[in-house]
Protein backbone atom coordinates (compact mmCIF):
# COMPACT_ATOMS: atom_id res chain seq x y z
CA UNK A 1 89.44 117.93 87.04
CA UNK A 2 92.32 115.41 87.10
CA UNK A 3 91.85 111.98 88.59
CA UNK A 4 94.00 111.13 91.58
CA UNK A 5 96.69 108.57 90.81
CA UNK A 6 97.06 105.50 92.96
CA UNK A 7 100.48 104.44 94.19
CA UNK A 8 101.16 100.72 94.50
CA UNK A 9 104.35 99.71 96.32
CA UNK A 10 106.73 97.32 94.58
CA UNK A 11 107.06 95.11 97.63
CA UNK A 12 105.24 94.49 100.88
CA UNK A 13 105.86 91.98 103.68
CA UNK A 14 102.71 90.15 102.66
CA UNK A 15 104.35 89.32 99.31
CA UNK A 16 106.87 87.07 101.05
CA UNK A 17 104.14 85.50 103.17
CA UNK A 18 102.09 84.78 100.06
CA UNK A 19 105.09 83.27 98.25
CA UNK A 20 105.75 80.75 101.02
CA UNK A 21 102.05 80.01 101.45
CA UNK A 22 101.72 79.20 97.73
CA UNK A 23 104.91 77.15 97.85
CA UNK A 24 103.61 75.03 100.73
CA UNK A 25 100.25 74.66 99.02
CA UNK A 26 101.86 73.41 95.82
CA UNK A 27 104.03 70.92 97.72
CA UNK A 28 100.97 69.61 99.58
CA UNK A 29 99.04 69.22 96.32
CA UNK A 30 101.95 67.38 94.72
CA UNK A 31 102.18 64.97 97.67
CA UNK A 32 98.43 64.30 97.59
CA UNK A 33 98.48 63.67 93.84
CA UNK A 34 101.55 61.43 94.09
CA UNK A 35 100.06 59.33 96.88
CA UNK A 36 96.77 59.04 94.99
CA UNK A 37 98.53 57.97 91.79
CA UNK A 38 100.61 55.38 93.64
CA UNK A 39 97.45 54.11 95.32
CA UNK A 40 95.80 53.68 91.91
CA UNK A 41 98.72 51.58 90.70
CA UNK A 42 100.83 53.98 88.65
CA UNK A 43 104.48 52.90 88.60
CA UNK A 44 106.85 55.04 90.63
CA UNK A 45 108.99 55.98 87.62
CA UNK A 46 105.96 57.66 86.01
CA UNK A 47 105.76 60.09 88.92
CA UNK A 48 109.40 61.12 89.03
CA UNK A 49 110.73 60.69 85.50
CA UNK A 50 109.28 63.90 84.07
CA UNK A 51 108.18 62.26 80.84
CA UNK A 52 104.64 61.40 79.84
CA UNK A 53 105.54 58.53 77.50
CA UNK A 54 106.26 56.06 80.30
CA UNK A 55 102.62 56.18 81.38
CA UNK A 56 101.14 54.78 78.20
CA UNK A 57 100.42 58.02 76.37
CA UNK A 58 101.72 56.78 73.06
CA UNK A 59 105.41 56.65 72.25
CA UNK A 60 106.79 53.37 73.52
CA UNK A 61 105.18 52.88 76.87
């Protein structure tokens, strides 16, 4: 007796909803982390520069 195969669609409307929900969630998390870091005294250039070395992690802080 052969097992019935399951068909999964490539795309559903909920995929787009989930994409935008995750996008908004990530933006909200970034804003919360940025505000928290600024409140703790991190310099602004450490948040936006994209490099870790400006925040005292070793190479020429």
